[in-house]
PDB file of N, CA and C in Angstrom:
ATOM      1  N   MET A   1       9.123   0.549 -13.227  1.00  0.00           N
ATOM      2  CA  MET A   1       9.408   1.439 -12.128  1.00  0.00           C
ATOM      3  C   MET A   1       8.529   2.696 -12.178  1.00  0.00           C
ATOM      4  N   GLU A   2       7.924   2.941 -13.337  1.00  0.00           N
ATOM      5  CA  GLU A   2       6.987   4.066 -13.434  1.00  0.00           C
ATOM      6  C   GLU A   2       5.790   3.821 -12.510  1.00  0.00           C
ATOM      7  N   ASN A   3       5.312   2.586 -12.462  1.00  0.00           N
ATOM      8  CA  ASN A   3       4.210   2.269 -11.555  1.00  0.00           C
ATOM      9  C   ASN A   3       4.613   2.496 -10.106  1.00  0.00           C
ATOM     10  N   ALA A   4       5.841   2.113  -9.762  1.00  0.00           N
ATOM     11  CA  ALA A   4       6.321   2.321  -8.390  1.00  0.00           C
ATOM     12  C   ALA A   4       6.338   3.812  -8.056  1.00  0.00           C
ATOM     13  N   ARG A   5       6.759   4.628  -8.998  1.00  0.00           N
ATOM     14  CA  ARG A   5       6.772   6.071  -8.788  1.00  0.00           C
ATOM     15  C   ARG A   5       5.357   6.594  -8.539  1.00  0.00           C
ATOM     16  N   ILE A   6       4.404   6.123  -9.321  1.00  0.00           N
ATOM     17  CA  ILE A   6       3.006   6.538  -9.171  1.00  0.00           C
ATOM     18  C   ILE A   6       2.492   6.164  -7.781  1.00  0.00           C
ATOM     19  N   ILE A   7       2.814   4.970  -7.336  1.00  0.00           N
ATOM     20  CA  ILE A   7       2.379   4.522  -6.009  1.00  0.00           C
ATOM     21  C   ILE A   7       3.022   5.379  -4.928  1.00  0.00           C
ATOM     22  N   ARG A   8       4.336   5.546  -5.012  1.00  0.00           N
ATOM     23  CA  ARG A   8       5.061   6.354  -4.010  1.00  0.00           C
ATOM     24  C   ARG A   8       4.494   7.764  -3.941  1.00  0.00           C
ATOM     25  N   GLU A   9       4.361   8.399  -5.079  1.00  0.00           N
ATOM     26  CA  GLU A   9       3.886   9.785  -5.100  1.00  0.00           C
ATOM     27  C   GLU A   9       2.428   9.895  -4.671  1.00  0.00           C
ATOM     28  N   GLY A  10       1.612   8.964  -5.110  1.00  0.00           N
ATOM     29  CA  GLY A  10       0.189   9.016  -4.766  1.00  0.00           C
ATOM     30  C   GLY A  10      -0.063   8.819  -3.285  1.00  0.00           C
ATOM     31  N   LEU A  11       0.587   7.828  -2.696  1.00  0.00           N
ATOM     32  CA  LEU A  11       0.391   7.576  -1.272  1.00  0.00           C
ATOM     33  C   LEU A  11       1.146   8.592  -0.430  1.00  0.00           C
ATOM     34  N   GLY A  12       2.313   8.991  -0.891  1.00  0.00           N
ATOM     35  CA  GLY A  12       3.087  10.005  -0.166  1.00  0.00           C
ATOM     36  C   GLY A  12       2.352  11.332  -0.106  1.00  0.00           C
ATOM     37  N   ALA A  13       1.692  11.718  -1.194  1.00  0.00           N
ATOM     38  CA  ALA A  13       0.938  12.972  -1.222  1.00  0.00           C
ATOM     39  C   ALA A  13      -0.226  12.945  -0.238  1.00  0.00           C
ATOM     40  N   ALA A  14      -0.701  11.739   0.078  1.00  0.00           N
ATOM     41  CA  ALA A  14      -1.784  11.591   1.053  1.00  0.00           C
ATOM     42  C   ALA A  14      -1.231  11.471   2.477  1.00  0.00           C
ATOM     43  N   LYS A  15       0.071  11.728   2.620  1.00  0.00           N
ATOM     44  CA  LYS A  15       0.744  11.701   3.925  1.00  0.00           C
ATOM     45  C   LYS A  15       0.766  10.314   4.549  1.00  0.00           C
ATOM     46  N   MET A  16       0.688   9.291   3.707  1.00  0.00           N
ATOM     47  CA  MET A  16       0.810   7.927   4.203  1.00  0.00           C
ATOM     48  C   MET A  16       2.298   7.597   4.313  1.00  0.00           C
ATOM     49  N   THR A  17       2.648   6.805   5.306  1.00  0.00           N
ATOM     50  CA  THR A  17       4.040   6.440   5.511  1.00  0.00           C
ATOM     51  C   THR A  17       4.387   5.275   4.605  1.00  0.00           C
ATOM     52  N   ILE A  18       5.348   5.503   3.711  1.00  0.00           N
ATOM     53  CA  ILE A  18       5.748   4.494   2.736  1.00  0.00           C
ATOM     54  C   ILE A  18       7.260   4.380   2.697  1.00  0.00           C
ATOM     55  N   PHE A  19       7.703   3.211   2.260  1.00  0.00           N
ATOM     56  CA  PHE A  19       9.128   2.943   2.092  1.00  0.00           C
ATOM     57  C   PHE A  19       9.306   2.160   0.800  1.00  0.00           C
ATOM     58  N   GLY A  20      10.469   2.313   0.175  1.00  0.00           N
ATOM     59  CA  GLY A  20      10.808   1.509  -0.991  1.00  0.00           C
ATOM     60  C   GLY A  20      10.263   2.063  -2.290  1.00  0.00           C
ATOM     61  N   GLY A  21      10.292   1.194  -3.305  1.00  0.00           N
ATOM     62  CA  GLY A  21       9.788   1.565  -4.613  1.00  0.00           C
ATOM     63  C   GLY A  21      10.744   2.395  -5.445  1.00  0.00           C
ATOM     64  N   VAL A  22      11.977   2.563  -4.961  1.00  0.00           N
ATOM     65  CA  VAL A  22      12.951   3.349  -5.704  1.00  0.00           C
ATOM     66  C   VAL A  22      13.845   2.431  -6.537  1.00  0.00           C
ATOM     67  N   ASP A  23      14.378   1.393  -5.902  1.00  0.00           N
ATOM     68  CA  ASP A  23      15.267   0.455  -6.581  1.00  0.00           C
ATOM     69  C   ASP A  23      14.643  -0.919  -6.775  1.00  0.00           C
ATOM     70  N   ALA A  24      13.401  -1.059  -6.358  1.00  0.00           N
ATOM     71  CA  ALA A  24      12.681  -2.324  -6.494  1.00  0.00           C
ATOM     72  C   ALA A  24      11.203  -2.002  -6.701  1.00  0.00           C
ATOM     73  N   PRO A  25      10.480  -2.893  -7.344  1.00  0.00           N
ATOM     74  CA  PRO A  25       9.071  -2.613  -7.664  1.00  0.00           C
ATOM     75  C   PRO A  25       8.089  -2.901  -6.524  1.00  0.00           C
ATOM     76  N   TYR A  26       8.549  -2.751  -5.288  1.00  0.00           N
ATOM     77  CA  TYR A  26       7.677  -2.990  -4.133  1.00  0.00           C
ATOM     78  C   TYR A  26       7.702  -1.777  -3.227  1.00  0.00           C
ATOM     79  N   ILE A  27       6.522  -1.417  -2.738  1.00  0.00           N
ATOM     80  CA  ILE A  27       6.375  -0.288  -1.837  1.00  0.00           C
ATOM     81  C   ILE A  27       5.767  -0.836  -0.560  1.00  0.00           C
ATOM     82  N   TRP A  28       6.337  -0.427   0.560  1.00  0.00           N
ATOM     83  CA  TRP A  28       5.827  -0.825   1.868  1.00  0.00           C
ATOM     84  C   TRP A  28       5.000   0.313   2.429  1.00  0.00           C
ATOM     85  N   LEU A  29       3.743   0.022   2.737  1.00  0.00           N
ATOM     86  CA  LEU A  29       2.805   0.989   3.288  1.00  0.00           C
ATOM     87  C   LEU A  29       2.570   0.646   4.749  1.00  0.00           C
ATOM     88  N   GLN A  30       2.784   1.619   5.624  1.00  0.00           N
ATOM     89  CA  GLN A  30       2.546   1.382   7.039  1.00  0.00           C
ATOM     90  C   GLN A  30       1.048   1.321   7.299  1.00  0.00           C
ATOM     91  N   CYS A  31       0.622   0.316   8.041  1.00  0.00           N
ATOM     92  CA  CYS A  31      -0.789   0.166   8.390  1.00  0.00           C
ATOM     93  C   CYS A  31      -1.199   1.281   9.344  1.00  0.00           C
ATOM     94  N   PRO A  32      -2.494   1.563   9.406  1.00  0.00           N
ATOM     95  CA  PRO A  32      -2.960   2.534  10.399  1.00  0.00           C
ATOM     96  C   PRO A  32      -2.494   2.104  11.790  1.00  0.00           C
ATOM     97  N   LYS A  33      -2.209   3.070  12.614  1.00  0.00           N
ATOM     98  CA  LYS A  33      -1.645   2.836  13.941  1.00  0.00           C
ATOM     99  C   LYS A  33      -2.371   1.720  14.705  1.00  0.00           C
ATOM    100  N   GLY A  34      -1.598   0.720  15.112  1.00  0.00           N
ATOM    101  CA  GLY A  34      -2.126  -0.363  15.923  1.00  0.00           C
ATOM    102  C   GLY A  34      -2.896  -1.433  15.170  1.00  0.00           C
ATOM    103  N   LEU A  35      -3.065  -1.291  13.874  1.00  0.00           N
ATOM    104  CA  LEU A  35      -3.842  -2.258  13.104  1.00  0.00           C
ATOM    105  C   LEU A  35      -2.922  -3.336  12.542  1.00  0.00           C
ATOM    106  N   PRO A  36      -3.151  -4.607  12.896  1.00  0.00           N
ATOM    107  CA  PRO A  36      -2.337  -5.693  12.348  1.00  0.00           C
ATOM    108  C   PRO A  36      -2.483  -5.772  10.826  1.00  0.00           C
ATOM    109  N   SER A  37      -1.443  -6.260  10.186  1.00  0.00           N
ATOM    110  CA  SER A  37      -1.435  -6.260   8.724  1.00  0.00           C
ATOM    111  C   SER A  37      -2.550  -7.114   8.123  1.00  0.00           C
ATOM    112  N   TRP A  38      -2.929  -8.221   8.761  1.00  0.00           N
ATOM    113  CA  TRP A  38      -4.030  -9.021   8.196  1.00  0.00           C
ATOM    114  C   TRP A  38      -5.352  -8.275   8.295  1.00  0.00           C
ATOM    115  N   GLU A  39      -5.556  -7.512   9.354  1.00  0.00           N
ATOM    116  CA  GLU A  39      -6.789  -6.723   9.472  1.00  0.00           C
ATOM    117  C   GLU A  39      -6.824  -5.617   8.429  1.00  0.00           C
ATOM    118  N   PHE A  40      -5.668  -4.983   8.201  1.00  0.00           N
ATOM    119  CA  PHE A  40      -5.616  -3.940   7.177  1.00  0.00           C
ATOM    120  C   PHE A  40      -5.818  -4.551   5.795  1.00  0.00           C
ATOM    121  N   PHE A  41      -5.303  -5.754   5.572  1.00  0.00           N
ATOM    122  CA  PHE A  41      -5.542  -6.469   4.321  1.00  0.00           C
ATOM    123  C   PHE A  41      -7.048  -6.587   4.083  1.00  0.00           C
ATOM    124  N   ASP A  42      -7.774  -7.033   5.116  1.00  0.00           N
ATOM    125  CA  ASP A  42      -9.228  -7.184   5.002  1.00  0.00           C
ATOM    126  C   ASP A  42      -9.906  -5.854   4.675  1.00  0.00           C
ATOM    127  N   GLN A  43      -9.459  -4.767   5.315  1.00  0.00           N
ATOM    128  CA  GLN A  43     -10.053  -3.456   5.065  1.00  0.00           C
ATOM    129  C   GLN A  43      -9.737  -2.957   3.655  1.00  0.00           C
ATOM    130  N   LEU A  44      -8.489  -3.143   3.211  1.00  0.00           N
ATOM    131  CA  LEU A  44      -8.132  -2.734   1.845  1.00  0.00           C
ATOM    132  C   LEU A  44      -9.003  -3.450   0.823  1.00  0.00           C
ATOM    133  N   LEU A  45      -9.200  -4.743   1.043  1.00  0.00           N
ATOM    134  CA  LEU A  45     -10.000  -5.532   0.108  1.00  0.00           C
ATOM    135  C   LEU A  45     -11.466  -5.096   0.137  1.00  0.00           C
ATOM    136  N   ALA A  46     -12.031  -4.968   1.332  1.00  0.00           N
ATOM    137  CA  ALA A  46     -13.455  -4.655   1.467  1.00  0.00           C
ATOM    138  C   ALA A  46     -13.796  -3.226   1.054  1.00  0.00           C
ATOM    139  N   LYS A  47     -12.969  -2.265   1.429  1.00  0.00           N
ATOM    140  CA  LYS A  47     -13.295  -0.859   1.177  1.00  0.00           C
ATOM    141  C   LYS A  47     -12.734  -0.326  -0.138  1.00  0.00           C
ATOM    142  N   ALA A  48     -11.462  -0.660  -0.421  1.00  0.00           N
ATOM    143  CA  ALA A  48     -10.804  -0.087  -1.599  1.00  0.00           C
ATOM    144  C   ALA A  48     -10.745  -1.062  -2.769  1.00  0.00           C
ATOM    145  N   HIS A  49     -11.083  -2.331  -2.519  1.00  0.00           N
ATOM    146  CA  HIS A  49     -11.021  -3.369  -3.557  1.00  0.00           C
ATOM    147  C   HIS A  49      -9.606  -3.519  -4.107  1.00  0.00           C
ATOM    148  N   VAL A  50      -8.631  -3.450  -3.190  1.00  0.00           N
ATOM    149  CA  VAL A  50      -7.226  -3.556  -3.530  1.00  0.00           C
ATOM    150  C   VAL A  50      -6.626  -4.714  -2.746  1.00  0.00           C
ATOM    151  N   ILE A  51      -5.798  -5.492  -3.416  1.00  0.00           N
ATOM    152  CA  ILE A  51      -5.089  -6.580  -2.753  1.00  0.00           C
ATOM    153  C   ILE A  51      -3.623  -6.216  -2.657  1.00  0.00           C
ATOM    154  N   ALA A  52      -3.096  -6.305  -1.446  1.00  0.00           N
ATOM    155  CA  ALA A  52      -1.673  -6.120  -1.171  1.00  0.00           C
ATOM    156  C   ALA A  52      -1.274  -7.260  -0.239  1.00  0.00           C
ATOM    157  N   THR A  53       0.004  -7.430  -0.032  1.00  0.00           N
ATOM    158  CA  THR A  53       0.479  -8.538   0.793  1.00  0.00           C
ATOM    159  C   THR A  53       0.725  -8.059   2.223  1.00  0.00           C
ATOM    160  N   PRO A  54       0.079  -8.714   3.200  1.00  0.00           N
ATOM    161  CA  PRO A  54       0.345  -8.348   4.594  1.00  0.00           C
ATOM    162  C   PRO A  54       1.819  -8.584   4.913  1.00  0.00           C
ATOM    163  N   GLY A  55       2.454  -7.602   5.502  1.00  0.00           N
ATOM    164  CA  GLY A  55       3.879  -7.685   5.774  1.00  0.00           C
ATOM    165  C   GLY A  55       4.280  -8.831   6.676  1.00  0.00           C
ATOM    166  N   VAL A  56       3.386  -9.255   7.541  1.00  0.00           N
ATOM    167  CA  VAL A  56       3.705 -10.316   8.487  1.00  0.00           C
ATOM    168  C   VAL A  56       4.050 -11.631   7.783  1.00  0.00           C
ATOM    169  N   VAL A  57       3.609 -11.827   6.553  1.00  0.00           N
ATOM    170  CA  VAL A  57       3.958 -13.069   5.846  1.00  0.00           C
ATOM    171  C   VAL A  57       5.455 -13.129   5.537  1.00  0.00           C
ATOM    172  N   PHE A  58       6.151 -12.001   5.671  1.00  0.00           N
ATOM    173  CA  PHE A  58       7.594 -11.957   5.447  1.00  0.00           C
ATOM    174  C   PHE A  58       8.370 -12.085   6.757  1.00  0.00           C
ATOM    175  N   GLY A  59       7.665 -12.229   7.866  1.00  0.00           N
ATOM    176  CA  GLY A  59       8.295 -12.376   9.172  1.00  0.00           C
ATOM    177  C   GLY A  59       7.776 -11.345  10.156  1.00  0.00           C
ATOM    178  N   LYS A  60       8.174 -11.507  11.413  1.00  0.00           N
ATOM    179  CA  LYS A  60       7.702 -10.613  12.483  1.00  0.00           C
ATOM    180  C   LYS A  60       7.962  -9.146  12.187  1.00  0.00           C
ATOM    181  N   GLY A  61       9.100  -8.838  11.575  1.00  0.00           N
ATOM    182  CA  GLY A  61       9.451  -7.449  11.284  1.00  0.00           C
ATOM    183  C   GLY A  61       8.521  -6.793  10.272  1.00  0.00           C
ATOM    184  N   GLY A  62       7.774  -7.590   9.519  1.00  0.00           N
ATOM    185  CA  GLY A  62       6.862  -7.040   8.526  1.00  0.00           C
ATOM    186  C   GLY A  62       5.497  -6.679   9.075  1.00  0.00           C
ATOM    187  N   GLU A  63       5.223  -7.092  10.321  1.00  0.00           N
ATOM    188  CA  GLU A  63       3.935  -6.776  10.926  1.00  0.00           C
ATOM    189  C   GLU A  63       3.764  -5.264  10.996  1.00  0.00           C
ATOM    190  N   GLY A  64       2.552  -4.812  10.671  1.00  0.00           N
ATOM    191  CA  GLY A  64       2.264  -3.382  10.692  1.00  0.00           C
ATOM    192  C   GLY A  64       2.468  -2.708   9.344  1.00  0.00           C
ATOM    193  N   PHE A  65       2.794  -3.514   8.325  1.00  0.00           N
ATOM    194  CA  PHE A  65       3.020  -2.981   6.983  1.00  0.00           C
ATOM    195  C   PHE A  65       2.299  -3.840   5.947  1.00  0.00           C
ATOM    196  N   MET A  66       2.055  -3.233   4.791  1.00  0.00           N
ATOM    197  CA  MET A  66       1.542  -3.949   3.623  1.00  0.00           C
ATOM    198  C   MET A  66       2.559  -3.778   2.510  1.00  0.00           C
ATOM    199  N   ARG A  67       2.796  -4.836   1.741  1.00  0.00           N
ATOM    200  CA  ARG A  67       3.688  -4.705   0.588  1.00  0.00           C
ATOM    201  C   ARG A  67       2.823  -4.584  -0.657  1.00  0.00           C
ATOM    202  N   ILE A  68       3.004  -3.483  -1.357  1.00  0.00           N
ATOM    203  CA  ILE A  68       2.257  -3.224  -2.583  1.00  0.00           C
ATOM    204  C   ILE A  68       3.191  -3.449  -3.760  1.00  0.00           C
ATOM    205  N   SER A  69       2.748  -4.223  -4.716  1.00  0.00           N
ATOM    206  CA  SER A  69       3.543  -4.514  -5.903  1.00  0.00           C
ATOM    207  C   SER A  69       3.252  -3.493  -6.991  1.00  0.00           C
ATOM    208  N   ALA A  70       4.309  -3.093  -7.683  1.00  0.00           N
ATOM    209  CA  ALA A  70       4.158  -2.144  -8.784  1.00  0.00           C
ATOM    210  C   ALA A  70       3.945  -2.849 -10.119  1.00  0.00           C
ATOM    211  N   PHE A  71       3.859  -4.172 -10.091  1.00  0.00           N
ATOM    212  CA  PHE A  71       3.615  -4.907 -11.319  1.00  0.00           C
ATOM    213  C   PHE A  71       2.142  -4.778 -11.699  1.00  0.00           C
ATOM    214  N   GLY A  72       1.867  -4.590 -12.942  1.00  0.00           N
ATOM    215  CA  GLY A  72       0.495  -4.483 -13.410  1.00  0.00           C
ATOM    216  C   GLY A  72       0.363  -3.373 -14.440  1.00  0.00           C
ATOM    217  N   HIS A  73      -0.830  -3.234 -14.939  1.00  0.00           N
ATOM    218  CA  HIS A  73      -1.108  -2.191 -15.922  1.00  0.00           C
ATOM    219  C   HIS A  73      -1.216  -0.845 -15.223  1.00  0.00           C
ATOM    220  N   ILE A  74      -0.685   0.169 -15.840  1.00  0.00           N
ATOM    221  CA  ILE A  74      -0.653   1.505 -15.237  1.00  0.00           C
ATOM    222  C   ILE A  74      -2.057   2.005 -14.889  1.00  0.00           C
ATOM    223  N   GLU A  75      -3.047   1.666 -15.698  1.00  0.00           N
ATOM    224  CA  GLU A  75      -4.423   2.082 -15.415  1.00  0.00           C
ATOM    225  C   GLU A  75      -4.924   1.451 -14.125  1.00  0.00           C
ATOM    226  N   ASP A  76      -4.564   0.181 -13.900  1.00  0.00           N
ATOM    227  CA  ASP A  76      -4.979  -0.515 -12.680  1.00  0.00           C
ATOM    228  C   ASP A  76      -4.275   0.072 -11.455  1.00  0.00           C
ATOM    229  N   VAL A  77      -3.005   0.420 -11.611  1.00  0.00           N
ATOM    230  CA  VAL A  77      -2.250   1.035 -10.516  1.00  0.00           C
ATOM    231  C   VAL A  77      -2.873   2.381 -10.165  1.00  0.00           C
ATOM    232  N   ASP A  78      -3.158   3.198 -11.150  1.00  0.00           N
ATOM    233  CA  ASP A  78      -3.807   4.497 -10.911  1.00  0.00           C
ATOM    234  C   ASP A  78      -5.123   4.313 -10.161  1.00  0.00           C
ATOM    235  N   ARG A  79      -5.927   3.374 -10.611  1.00  0.00           N
ATOM    236  CA  ARG A  79      -7.237   3.130  -9.991  1.00  0.00           C
ATOM    237  C   ARG A  79      -7.078   2.653  -8.546  1.00  0.00           C
ATOM    238  N   ALA A  80      -6.120   1.774  -8.296  1.00  0.00           N
ATOM    239  CA  ALA A  80      -5.893   1.249  -6.950  1.00  0.00           C
ATOM    240  C   ALA A  80      -5.446   2.346  -5.994  1.00  0.00           C
ATOM    241  N   ILE A  81      -4.512   3.169  -6.417  1.00  0.00           N
ATOM    242  CA  ILE A  81      -4.016   4.233  -5.552  1.00  0.00           C
ATOM    243  C   ILE A  81      -5.111   5.261  -5.288  1.00  0.00           C
ATOM    244  N   ARG A  82      -5.857   5.584  -6.287  1.00  0.00           N
ATOM    245  CA  ARG A  82      -6.981   6.515  -6.112  1.00  0.00           C
ATOM    246  C   ARG A  82      -7.983   5.940  -5.100  1.00  0.00           C
ATOM    247  N   SER A  83      -8.272   4.649  -5.198  1.00  0.00           N
ATOM    248  CA  SER A  83      -9.214   4.012  -4.290  1.00  0.00           C
ATOM    249  C   SER A  83      -8.690   3.977  -2.852  1.00  0.00           C
ATOM    250  N   ILE A  84      -7.407   3.692  -2.687  1.00  0.00           N
ATOM    251  CA  ILE A  84      -6.829   3.697  -1.338  1.00  0.00           C
ATOM    252  C   ILE A  84      -6.942   5.094  -0.739  1.00  0.00           C
ATOM    253  N   ARG A  85      -6.608   6.103  -1.511  1.00  0.00           N
ATOM    254  CA  ARG A  85      -6.667   7.485  -1.016  1.00  0.00           C
ATOM    255  C   ARG A  85      -8.094   7.886  -0.678  1.00  0.00           C
ATOM    256  N   GLU A  86      -9.052   7.512  -1.528  1.00  0.00           N
ATOM    257  CA  GLU A  86     -10.446   7.892  -1.297  1.00  0.00           C
ATOM    258  C   GLU A  86     -11.029   7.182  -0.076  1.00  0.00           C
ATOM    259  N   ASN A  87     -10.599   5.952   0.157  1.00  0.00           N
ATOM    260  CA  ASN A  87     -11.184   5.163   1.240  1.00  0.00           C
ATOM    261  C   ASN A  87     -10.442   5.251   2.569  1.00  0.00           C
ATOM    262  N   PHE A  88      -9.194   5.660   2.523  1.00  0.00           N
ATOM    263  CA  PHE A  88      -8.407   5.696   3.747  1.00  0.00           C
ATOM    264  C   PHE A  88      -7.825   7.063   4.061  1.00  0.00           C
ATOM    265  N   GLY A  89      -7.868   7.988   3.099  1.00  0.00           N
ATOM    266  CA  GLY A  89      -7.353   9.329   3.359  1.00  0.00           C
ATOM    267  C   GLY A  89      -5.948   9.280   3.893  1.00  0.00           C
ATOM    268  N   THR A  90      -5.703   9.984   4.956  1.00  0.00           N
ATOM    269  CA  THR A  90      -4.395   9.990   5.598  1.00  0.00           C
ATOM    270  C   THR A  90      -4.374   8.890   6.649  1.00  0.00           C
ATOM    271  N   ILE A  91      -3.428   7.996   6.513  1.00  0.00           N
ATOM    272  CA  ILE A  91      -3.263   6.921   7.500  1.00  0.00           C
ATOM    273  C   ILE A  91      -2.239   7.403   8.512  1.00  0.00           C
ATOM    274  N   ALA A  92      -2.638   7.407   9.759  1.00  0.00           N
ATOM    275  CA  ALA A  92      -1.708   7.819  10.832  1.00  0.00           C
ATOM    276  C   ALA A  92      -1.701   6.792  11.932  1.00  0.00           C
TER     277      ALA A  92
END
């Protein structure tokens, strides 16, 4: 759950809209306005070199979100969050 806290705080400090990560190791990141989750998946991979799960794979209600897992090594989580912030800044 320490990784989840790092993700929540790191993305939240960048004014990105996030949900979860308090009682479960998954954080939901809202995609940039109007961008489908598969397109944002492609951008995250190409620009930030980060893989997250497009929310739409969980059903229609997940469209417009990415699910980020807090599982992994803390160094990798730090690097991923730093890369998302550097490449996407504030997502609105």
